[in-house]
Structures are given as C-alpha cells and as structure tokens.
Amino acid sequence: MSDLKPVAVQLYSLREELAQDFEATIRNIADIGYVGVEPFGGMPGGLDAVAGLCRELELEVCSSHVPFPDDANKDAVLALAEAYGLERVCIAYLPPAEFETVDGIKRTCEKLNNAGAFANANGLALGYHNHWWEYKQLNGCATLELMLDELDDSVFLQIDTYWVQVGGLDAVDVVRQVGARAPLIHLKDGSLDKDDDMTAVGGGKMDVPGIVKASADTAEWHIVELDRCATDMLQAVRDSYDYLTSNGLARGKK
C-alpha cells in the first residue's frame, strides 16, 4: 500500500513499564522502530524529562491525551502542549453516564465544543477518544451520528477502532464515514469481548487491513494502544509494530 502512515504507540499501553523505568521503556520503543509516541496525562518521569528524551531519540509526539481543559486544568494542558510541541491534544475519556440520553449527548458535545474553542484560541486542535459506550444505538440511531451533528467541525475524533467494534458498529464503516474528522486512528486487537484482555495488533478479530485501507486518504497516524494484555506488554507492542510494518500497513523506522 502506497503512502503508508507513520506508526506510533500510546504510552498508556506501557504505563506499568514506564512507572518502573520510564527512560529504558521509551528507549525500547525507539529501538523497536516506532516513528512516534502519544503520551498520557501524569506520565512517569515528568513532562520535561519525557519531552527531552523523545527529542533525543527523534520520536515524534503526534498528540497527547490530556485532562479535560476546565478551569482547574487549562494551564496544565497548555504547558503539556508547549513541552511536547503539539498541534493536537485529545480528551481520553468521558464517563458513560454522559452518553445515555439525547439531551445528555447534546450537553456533552457542548462541553467539548467549549473546550475545543479554548484549544483553538491557543493554537491547538482538540479531539475526543472514544470507548464502546459512544457507539451504541440510542432511539434507533448510533450515538456517533448524534455526536457528529452536535460537535463543531474543529473538534476531531480519535477513532479507537477496537472499541467501535465492541460497541456494535463496523470499524471500517465508521472510519470511512468519519473520514478527515479522524486524523488519528487507534489500533488494538482482541476477542471483541470488552472484558477480555487484548492481543497484539494482528492477533485478534479486527479487520486491521480494512481499517488501514479505509483511512488511507484521511488518517495522519496509526497509533497502537493496548489497554491491557495477558502477555508481556512490551512484546505485544513489538509484535504489533512487526505486524503493521511487515504487512505494509504502516510505516516505521526499521
């Protein structure tokens, strides 16, 4: 496949390893061949140390998960974006209760729109990363449809393809439908039972080649994220990289 997208890893996957030795873990990621990383809030090692190490290893920071930029967190979000040199930041989670009714979804989208306006005013784009509960059916309509109607165009979606599939929609169709609104695509794999451990990308039931093909003209990054894994996580992250690069699905450094 031509014009392969660079591959990154969401560092939350390796949170336990980072807590034990953040420098060795990030050096391992660079050694595997990942082009970039996506940090999360509260990174072990501290913001400046992680940012400096990524610069040393020429690991691009493609975005970061951040706390919701309310009054208590606005300064921290801006400091994080400055340290990493970011153009995009992403809200990693909002609770399921905010997506249970149409009115609730409208309020949630208004909150995201306000946060997006704050980000835009400070030179950033704000995105939202889904779990499975944003993709269920509500009154005969997928929650996603309601969100796309209510969200400002400036708020992008970070599509977690595994959770889309767990939520009951087809990830390939959703990626194609959302198109350029989803510049960052999360890839994970597993049994599609939300309570099961995940596997390395390529080791489960996800149609990864189909997702990559559907996002070929719109995605800017493919990001490996494994919330949990029954096997060694660093090995699963390595196996995910090997699967994506050896099958011509993403671009690495090796």
C-alpha atoms as a PDB file:
ATOM      1  CA  MET A   1       0.000   0.000   0.000  1.00  0.00           C
ATOM      2  CA  SER A   2       1.469   3.361  -1.013  1.00  0.00           C
ATOM      3  CA  ASP A   3       1.748   6.418   1.207  1.00  0.00           C
ATOM      4  CA  LEU A   4       1.885   4.427   4.425  1.00  0.00           C
ATOM      5  CA  LYS A   5       1.058   6.358   7.585  1.00  0.00           C
ATOM      6  CA  PRO A   6       3.631   6.513  10.385  1.00  0.00           C
ATOM      7  CA  VAL A   7       3.049   4.269  13.372  1.00  0.00           C
ATOM      8  CA  ALA A   8       3.073   5.475  16.981  1.00  0.00           C
ATOM      9  CA  VAL A   9       2.265   3.870  20.310  1.00  0.00           C
ATOM     10  CA  GLN A  10       0.009   5.302  23.002  1.00  0.00           C
ATOM     11  CA  LEU A  11       2.237   5.211  26.066  1.00  0.00           C
ATOM     12  CA  TYR A  12      -0.653   4.284  28.353  1.00  0.00           C
ATOM     13  CA  SER A  13      -0.145   0.776  26.986  1.00  0.00           C
ATOM     14  CA  LEU A  14       3.219   0.694  28.783  1.00  0.00           C
ATOM     15  CA  ARG A  15       2.228   2.590  31.918  1.00  0.00           C
ATOM     16  CA  GLU A  16       3.487  -0.151  34.256  1.00  0.00           C
ATOM     17  CA  GLU A  17       6.826  -0.402  32.478  1.00  0.00           C
ATOM     18  CA  LEU A  18       7.147   3.390  32.412  1.00  0.00           C
ATOM     19  CA  ALA A  19       6.497   3.543  36.150  1.00  0.00           C
ATOM     20  CA  GLN A  20       9.375   1.132  36.738  1.00  0.00           C
ATOM     21  CA  ASP A  21      11.861   2.775  34.333  1.00  0.00           C
ATOM     22  CA  PHE A  22      10.480   5.400  32.000  1.00  0.00           C
ATOM     23  CA  GLU A  23      13.775   6.073  30.218  1.00  0.00           C
ATOM     24  CA  ALA A  24      14.515   2.429  29.399  1.00  0.00           C
ATOM     25  CA  THR A  25      10.946   1.913  28.226  1.00  0.00           C
ATOM     26  CA  ILE A  26      10.970   4.868  25.850  1.00  0.00           C
ATOM     27  CA  ARG A  27      14.380   3.810  24.542  1.00  0.00           C
ATOM     28  CA  ASN A  28      12.909   0.368  23.867  1.00  0.00           C
ATOM     29  CA  ILE A  29      10.076   1.959  21.882  1.00  0.00           C
ATOM     30  CA  ALA A  30      12.572   3.856  19.759  1.00  0.00           C
ATOM     31  CA  ASP A  31      14.652   0.707  19.294  1.00  0.00           C
ATOM     32  CA  ILE A  32      11.608  -1.227  18.038  1.00  0.00           C
ATOM     33  CA  GLY A  33      11.274   1.344  15.279  1.00  0.00           C
ATOM     34  CA  TYR A  34       8.175   3.340  16.210  1.00  0.00           C
ATOM     35  CA  VAL A  35       8.077   6.723  14.492  1.00  0.00           C
ATOM     36  CA  GLY A  36       6.211   8.399  17.314  1.00  0.00           C
ATOM     37  CA  VAL A  37       4.519   8.215  20.681  1.00  0.00           C
ATOM     38  CA  GLU A  38       1.334   9.560  22.211  1.00  0.00           C
ATOM     39  CA  PRO A  39       1.788  10.363  25.913  1.00  0.00           C
ATOM     40  CA  PHE A  40      -0.964  10.417  28.519  1.00  0.00           C
ATOM     41  CA  GLY A  41      -1.622  12.706  31.460  1.00  0.00           C
ATOM     42  CA  GLY A  42       0.555  12.109  34.505  1.00  0.00           C
ATOM     43  CA  MET A  43       3.413  10.494  32.608  1.00  0.00           C
ATOM     44  CA  PRO A  44       6.034   8.865  34.875  1.00  0.00           C
ATOM     45  CA  GLY A  45       9.338  10.688  34.689  1.00  0.00           C
ATOM     46  CA  GLY A  46       7.851  14.137  34.429  1.00  0.00           C
ATOM     47  CA  LEU A  47       6.879  16.245  31.465  1.00  0.00           C
ATOM     48  CA  ASP A  48      10.213  17.878  30.692  1.00  0.00           C
ATOM     49  CA  ALA A  49      12.218  14.659  31.034  1.00  0.00           C
ATOM     50  CA  VAL A  50       9.894  12.719  28.729  1.00  0.00           C
ATOM     51  CA  ALA A  51       9.794  15.522  26.149  1.00  0.00           C
ATOM     52  CA  GLY A  52      13.587  15.814  26.204  1.00  0.00           C
ATOM     53  CA  LEU A  53      14.088  12.086  25.787  1.00  0.00           C
ATOM     54  CA  CYS A  54      11.688  11.971  22.847  1.00  0.00           C
ATOM     55  CA  ARG A  55      13.632  14.772  21.175  1.00  0.00           C
ATOM     56  CA  GLU A  56      16.914  12.955  21.788  1.00  0.00           C
ATOM     57  CA  LEU A  57      15.559   9.726  20.281  1.00  0.00           C
ATOM     58  CA  GLU A  58      13.775  11.547  17.423  1.00  0.00           C
ATOM     59  CA  LEU A  59      10.427  10.140  18.494  1.00  0.00           C
ATOM     60  CA  GLU A  60       7.669  12.404  17.217  1.00  0.00           C
ATOM     61  CA  VAL A  61       4.966  13.248  19.736  1.00  0.00           C
ATOM     62  CA  CYS A  62       1.924  13.066  17.482  1.00  0.00           C
ATOM     63  CA  SER A  63      -0.565  14.184  20.146  1.00  0.00           C
ATOM     64  CA  SER A  64      -1.226  13.634  23.830  1.00  0.00           C
ATOM     65  CA  HIS A  65      -4.126  12.558  25.958  1.00  0.00           C
ATOM     66  CA  VAL A  66      -4.870  15.364  28.383  1.00  0.00           C
ATOM     67  CA  PRO A  67      -7.247  16.087  31.254  1.00  0.00           C
ATOM     68  CA  PHE A  68     -10.384  17.957  30.334  1.00  0.00           C
ATOM     69  CA  PRO A  69      -9.308  21.604  29.978  1.00  0.00           C
ATOM     70  CA  ASP A  70     -11.648  23.082  32.565  1.00  0.00           C
ATOM     71  CA  ASP A  71     -10.543  25.990  34.758  1.00  0.00           C
ATOM     72  CA  ALA A  72      -8.548  23.670  37.008  1.00  0.00           C
ATOM     73  CA  ASN A  73      -6.626  22.062  34.133  1.00  0.00           C
ATOM     74  CA  LYS A  74      -6.282  24.709  31.418  1.00  0.00           C
ATOM     75  CA  ASP A  75      -2.792  25.814  32.382  1.00  0.00           C
ATOM     76  CA  ALA A  76      -1.574  22.221  32.671  1.00  0.00           C
ATOM     77  CA  VAL A  77      -2.913  21.356  29.213  1.00  0.00           C
ATOM     78  CA  LEU A  78      -1.187  24.362  27.663  1.00  0.00           C
ATOM     79  CA  ALA A  79       2.083  23.561  29.454  1.00  0.00           C
ATOM     80  CA  LEU A  80       1.933  19.988  28.207  1.00  0.00           C
ATOM     81  CA  ALA A  81       1.278  21.070  24.629  1.00  0.00           C
ATOM     82  CA  GLU A  82       4.165  23.535  24.753  1.00  0.00           C
ATOM     83  CA  ALA A  83       6.614  20.997  26.201  1.00  0.00           C
ATOM     84  CA  TYR A  84       5.815  18.437  23.505  1.00  0.00           C
ATOM     85  CA  GLY A  85       5.454  20.971  20.703  1.00  0.00           C
ATOM     86  CA  LEU A  86       1.938  19.796  19.922  1.00  0.00           C
ATOM     87  CA  GLU A  87      -0.692  20.945  17.475  1.00  0.00           C
ATOM     88  CA  ARG A  88      -3.275  18.452  18.788  1.00  0.00           C
ATOM     89  CA  VAL A  89      -4.440  17.288  22.194  1.00  0.00           C
ATOM     90  CA  CYS A  90      -7.086  14.710  22.943  1.00  0.00           C
ATOM     91  CA  ILE A  91      -9.616  14.033  25.699  1.00  0.00           C
ATOM     92  CA  ALA A  92      -9.169  10.359  26.528  1.00  0.00           C
ATOM     93  CA  TYR A  93     -12.405   9.662  28.394  1.00  0.00           C
ATOM     94  CA  LEU A  94     -15.785  10.940  29.438  1.00  0.00           C
ATOM     95  CA  PRO A  95     -17.989   8.701  31.601  1.00  0.00           C
ATOM     96  CA  PRO A  96     -20.744   6.528  30.109  1.00  0.00           C
ATOM     97  CA  ALA A  97     -23.429   8.453  32.008  1.00  0.00           C
ATOM     98  CA  GLU A  98     -22.836  11.425  29.690  1.00  0.00           C
ATOM     99  CA  PHE A  99     -23.977   9.405  26.661  1.00  0.00           C
ATOM    100  CA  GLU A 100     -27.147   7.743  27.941  1.00  0.00           C
ATOM    101  CA  THR A 101     -29.717  10.202  26.562  1.00  0.00           C
ATOM    102  CA  VAL A 102     -30.013  12.520  23.575  1.00  0.00           C
ATOM    103  CA  ASP A 103     -30.045  15.567  25.870  1.00  0.00           C
ATOM    104  CA  GLY A 104     -27.028  14.237  27.720  1.00  0.00           C
ATOM    105  CA  ILE A 105     -25.116  13.812  24.463  1.00  0.00           C
ATOM    106  CA  LYS A 106     -26.015  17.359  23.435  1.00  0.00           C
ATOM    107  CA  ARG A 107     -24.704  18.706  26.754  1.00  0.00           C
ATOM    108  CA  THR A 108     -21.535  16.662  26.417  1.00  0.00           C
ATOM    109  CA  CYS A 109     -20.941  17.905  22.893  1.00  0.00           C
ATOM    110  CA  GLU A 110     -21.496  21.485  24.038  1.00  0.00           C
ATOM    111  CA  LYS A 111     -18.870  20.938  26.708  1.00  0.00           C
ATOM    112  CA  LEU A 112     -16.465  19.531  24.120  1.00  0.00           C
ATOM    113  CA  ASN A 113     -17.194  22.442  21.789  1.00  0.00           C
ATOM    114  CA  ASN A 114     -16.334  24.927  24.536  1.00  0.00           C
ATOM    115  CA  ALA A 115     -13.132  23.049  25.274  1.00  0.00           C
ATOM    116  CA  GLY A 116     -12.364  22.999  21.557  1.00  0.00           C
ATOM    117  CA  ALA A 117     -12.820  26.769  21.359  1.00  0.00           C
ATOM    118  CA  PHE A 118     -10.335  27.196  24.208  1.00  0.00           C
ATOM    119  CA  ALA A 119      -7.870  24.929  22.433  1.00  0.00           C
ATOM    120  CA  ASN A 120      -8.320  26.761  19.124  1.00  0.00           C
ATOM    121  CA  ALA A 121      -7.749  30.121  20.807  1.00  0.00           C
ATOM    122  CA  ASN A 122      -4.396  28.776  21.994  1.00  0.00           C
ATOM    123  CA  GLY A 123      -3.284  27.364  18.680  1.00  0.00           C
ATOM    124  CA  LEU A 124      -4.394  23.780  19.304  1.00  0.00           C
ATOM    125  CA  ALA A 125      -6.926  21.335  17.917  1.00  0.00           C
ATOM    126  CA  LEU A 126      -8.925  19.318  20.443  1.00  0.00           C
ATOM    127  CA  GLY A 127     -10.040  15.748  19.856  1.00  0.00           C
ATOM    128  CA  TYR A 128     -12.090  13.135  21.652  1.00  0.00           C
ATOM    129  CA  HIS A 129     -11.107   9.473  22.022  1.00  0.00           C
ATOM    130  CA  ASN A 130     -13.990   7.020  22.228  1.00  0.00           C
ATOM    131  CA  HIS A 131     -14.697   3.855  24.158  1.00  0.00           C
ATOM    132  CA  TRP A 132     -17.514   1.438  23.388  1.00  0.00           C
ATOM    133  CA  TRP A 133     -20.371   3.337  25.025  1.00  0.00           C
ATOM    134  CA  GLU A 134     -20.280   6.187  22.472  1.00  0.00           C
ATOM    135  CA  TYR A 135     -21.142   3.757  19.671  1.00  0.00           C
ATOM    136  CA  LYS A 136     -24.243   2.002  20.933  1.00  0.00           C
ATOM    137  CA  GLN A 137     -27.703   2.525  19.478  1.00  0.00           C
ATOM    138  CA  LEU A 138     -29.912   5.160  21.072  1.00  0.00           C
ATOM    139  CA  ASN A 139     -33.504   5.592  19.903  1.00  0.00           C
ATOM    140  CA  GLY A 140     -32.618   3.717  16.728  1.00  0.00           C
ATOM    141  CA  CYS A 141     -29.637   5.912  15.966  1.00  0.00           C
ATOM    142  CA  ALA A 142     -25.952   5.330  16.663  1.00  0.00           C
ATOM    143  CA  THR A 143     -24.636   7.727  19.279  1.00  0.00           C
ATOM    144  CA  LEU A 144     -21.922   8.664  16.801  1.00  0.00           C
ATOM    145  CA  GLU A 145     -24.495  10.178  14.451  1.00  0.00           C
ATOM    146  CA  LEU A 146     -25.782  12.427  17.218  1.00  0.00           C
ATOM    147  CA  MET A 147     -22.264  13.496  18.140  1.00  0.00           C
ATOM    148  CA  LEU A 148     -21.330  14.343  14.561  1.00  0.00           C
ATOM    149  CA  ASP A 149     -24.425  16.538  14.345  1.00  0.00           C
ATOM    150  CA  GLU A 150     -23.630  18.392  17.564  1.00  0.00           C
ATOM    151  CA  LEU A 151     -19.839  18.733  17.535  1.00  0.00           C
ATOM    152  CA  ASP A 152     -18.161  21.715  15.920  1.00  0.00           C
ATOM    153  CA  ASP A 153     -16.137  20.831  12.855  1.00  0.00           C
ATOM    154  CA  SER A 154     -12.977  21.916  14.649  1.00  0.00           C
ATOM    155  CA  VAL A 155     -13.316  19.090  17.222  1.00  0.00           C
ATOM    156  CA  PHE A 156     -11.746  15.976  15.749  1.00  0.00           C
ATOM    157  CA  LEU A 157     -12.441  12.364  16.636  1.00  0.00           C
ATOM    158  CA  GLN A 158      -9.668   9.991  17.611  1.00  0.00           C
ATOM    159  CA  ILE A 159     -11.300   6.771  16.489  1.00  0.00           C
ATOM    160  CA  ASP A 160     -10.463   3.803  18.695  1.00  0.00           C
ATOM    161  CA  THR A 161     -11.379   1.158  16.179  1.00  0.00           C
ATOM    162  CA  TYR A 162     -11.490  -1.732  18.637  1.00  0.00           C
ATOM    163  CA  TRP A 163     -13.987  -0.023  20.924  1.00  0.00           C
ATOM    164  CA  VAL A 164     -16.102   0.950  17.911  1.00  0.00           C
ATOM    165  CA  GLN A 165     -16.364  -2.723  17.020  1.00  0.00           C
ATOM    166  CA  VAL A 166     -17.102  -3.725  20.624  1.00  0.00           C
ATOM    167  CA  GLY A 167     -19.796  -1.025  20.702  1.00  0.00           C
ATOM    168  CA  GLY A 168     -21.669  -2.727  17.893  1.00  0.00           C
ATOM    169  CA  LEU A 169     -20.680  -0.799  14.760  1.00  0.00           C
ATOM    170  CA  ASP A 170     -18.322  -1.835  11.992  1.00  0.00           C
ATOM    171  CA  ALA A 171     -14.993  -0.056  12.477  1.00  0.00           C
ATOM    172  CA  VAL A 172     -14.206   0.000   8.757  1.00  0.00           C
ATOM    173  CA  ASP A 173     -17.537   1.703   8.001  1.00  0.00           C
ATOM    174  CA  VAL A 174     -17.088   4.232  10.819  1.00  0.00           C
ATOM    175  CA  VAL A 175     -13.562   5.163   9.752  1.00  0.00           C
ATOM    176  CA  ARG A 176     -14.787   5.647   6.189  1.00  0.00           C
ATOM    177  CA  GLN A 177     -17.794   7.670   7.359  1.00  0.00           C
ATOM    178  CA  VAL A 178     -15.853   9.965   9.680  1.00  0.00           C
ATOM    179  CA  GLY A 179     -13.073  10.486   7.141  1.00  0.00           C
ATOM    180  CA  ALA A 180     -10.895  13.528   7.715  1.00  0.00           C
ATOM    181  CA  ARG A 181     -12.544  14.188  11.096  1.00  0.00           C
ATOM    182  CA  ALA A 182     -10.345  11.319  12.361  1.00  0.00           C
ATOM    183  CA  PRO A 183      -6.690  12.142  11.635  1.00  0.00           C
ATOM    184  CA  LEU A 184      -5.515   9.836  14.443  1.00  0.00           C
ATOM    185  CA  ILE A 185      -6.594   6.189  14.324  1.00  0.00           C
ATOM    186  CA  HIS A 186      -6.117   3.891  17.329  1.00  0.00           C
ATOM    187  CA  LEU A 187      -5.435   0.239  16.564  1.00  0.00           C
ATOM    188  CA  LYS A 188      -5.825  -2.590  19.041  1.00  0.00           C
ATOM    189  CA  ASP A 189      -6.980  -6.170  18.718  1.00  0.00           C
ATOM    190  CA  GLY A 190      -8.582  -8.989  20.650  1.00  0.00           C
ATOM    191  CA  SER A 191     -11.666 -11.151  21.037  1.00  0.00           C
ATOM    192  CA  LEU A 192     -14.129  -8.197  20.878  1.00  0.00           C
ATOM    193  CA  ASP A 193     -15.402  -9.081  24.360  1.00  0.00           C
ATOM    194  CA  LYS A 194     -14.971  -5.847  26.309  1.00  0.00           C
ATOM    195  CA  ASP A 195     -13.917  -7.724  29.444  1.00  0.00           C
ATOM    196  CA  ASP A 196     -11.200  -9.828  27.795  1.00  0.00           C
ATOM    197  CA  ASP A 197      -7.528  -8.969  27.665  1.00  0.00           C
ATOM    198  CA  MET A 198      -6.333  -7.622  24.340  1.00  0.00           C
ATOM    199  CA  THR A 199      -3.782  -9.087  21.975  1.00  0.00           C
ATOM    200  CA  ALA A 200      -1.053  -7.613  19.823  1.00  0.00           C
ATOM    201  CA  VAL A 201      -2.451  -5.950  16.718  1.00  0.00           C
ATOM    202  CA  GLY A 202      -2.986  -8.679  14.138  1.00  0.00           C
ATOM    203  CA  GLY A 203      -3.652 -11.351  16.740  1.00  0.00           C
ATOM    204  CA  GLY A 204      -7.392 -10.952  17.174  1.00  0.00           C
ATOM    205  CA  LYS A 205     -10.638 -10.451  15.283  1.00  0.00           C
ATOM    206  CA  MET A 206     -10.169  -6.902  13.984  1.00  0.00           C
ATOM    207  CA  ASP A 207     -10.041  -6.230  10.256  1.00  0.00           C
ATOM    208  CA  VAL A 208      -6.871  -4.187  10.522  1.00  0.00           C
ATOM    209  CA  PRO A 209      -6.095  -4.180   6.778  1.00  0.00           C
ATOM    210  CA  GLY A 210      -9.643  -2.966   6.096  1.00  0.00           C
ATOM    211  CA  ILE A 211      -9.300  -0.157   8.629  1.00  0.00           C
ATOM    212  CA  VAL A 212      -5.970   0.946   7.191  1.00  0.00           C
ATOM    213  CA  LYS A 213      -7.399   0.918   3.663  1.00  0.00           C
ATOM    214  CA  ALA A 214     -10.479   2.888   4.742  1.00  0.00           C
ATOM    215  CA  SER A 215      -8.317   5.572   6.366  1.00  0.00           C
ATOM    216  CA  ALA A 216      -5.605   5.681   3.697  1.00  0.00           C
ATOM    217  CA  ASP A 217      -6.610   9.105   2.378  1.00  0.00           C
ATOM    218  CA  THR A 218      -7.570  10.717   5.682  1.00  0.00           C
ATOM    219  CA  ALA A 219      -5.502   9.390   8.593  1.00  0.00           C
ATOM    220  CA  GLU A 220      -2.201  11.019   9.506  1.00  0.00           C
ATOM    221  CA  TRP A 221      -1.124   8.480  12.139  1.00  0.00           C
ATOM    222  CA  HIS A 222      -1.920   4.928  13.140  1.00  0.00           C
ATOM    223  CA  ILE A 223      -1.449   4.526  16.881  1.00  0.00           C
ATOM    224  CA  VAL A 224      -1.131   1.195  18.681  1.00  0.00           C
ATOM    225  CA  GLU A 225      -2.925   1.161  22.035  1.00  0.00           C
ATOM    226  CA  LEU A 226      -3.431  -1.908  24.205  1.00  0.00           C
ATOM    227  CA  ASP A 227      -5.360  -1.147  27.385  1.00  0.00           C
ATOM    228  CA  ARG A 228      -4.291  -4.455  28.883  1.00  0.00           C
ATOM    229  CA  CYS A 229      -2.742  -7.660  27.625  1.00  0.00           C
ATOM    230  CA  ALA A 230      -2.397 -11.194  29.026  1.00  0.00           C
ATOM    231  CA  THR A 231       1.121 -11.465  27.615  1.00  0.00           C
ATOM    232  CA  ASP A 232       4.176  -9.279  28.168  1.00  0.00           C
ATOM    233  CA  MET A 233       3.101  -5.780  27.128  1.00  0.00           C
ATOM    234  CA  LEU A 234       6.408  -4.690  25.636  1.00  0.00           C
ATOM    235  CA  GLN A 235       6.459  -7.827  23.496  1.00  0.00           C
ATOM    236  CA  ALA A 236       2.875  -7.172  22.391  1.00  0.00           C
ATOM    237  CA  VAL A 237       3.836  -3.621  21.437  1.00  0.00           C
ATOM    238  CA  ARG A 238       6.786  -5.030  19.462  1.00  0.00           C
ATOM    239  CA  ASP A 239       4.599  -7.678  17.808  1.00  0.00           C
ATOM    240  CA  SER A 240       2.054  -5.004  16.855  1.00  0.00           C
ATOM    241  CA  TYR A 241       4.786  -2.974  15.186  1.00  0.00           C
ATOM    242  CA  ASP A 242       6.121  -6.022  13.345  1.00  0.00           C
ATOM    243  CA  TYR A 243       2.648  -6.964  12.101  1.00  0.00           C
ATOM    244  CA  LEU A 244       1.835  -3.491  10.810  1.00  0.00           C
ATOM    245  CA  THR A 245       5.170  -2.802   9.149  1.00  0.00           C
ATOM    246  CA  SER A 246       5.862  -6.259   7.721  1.00  0.00           C
ATOM    247  CA  ASN A 247       2.411  -6.375   6.145  1.00  0.00           C
ATOM    248  CA  GLY A 248       2.693  -2.954   4.553  1.00  0.00           C
ATOM    249  CA  LEU A 249       0.038  -1.405   6.777  1.00  0.00           C
ATOM    250  CA  ALA A 250       2.089   1.332   8.460  1.00  0.00           C
ATOM    251  CA  ARG A 251       5.460   2.997   8.185  1.00  0.00           C
ATOM    252  CA  GLY A 252       8.103   2.505  10.849  1.00  0.00           C
ATOM    253  CA  LYS A 253      11.777   3.366  11.061  1.00  0.00           C
ATOM    254  CA  LYS A 254      13.028  -0.204  10.672  1.00  0.00           C
END
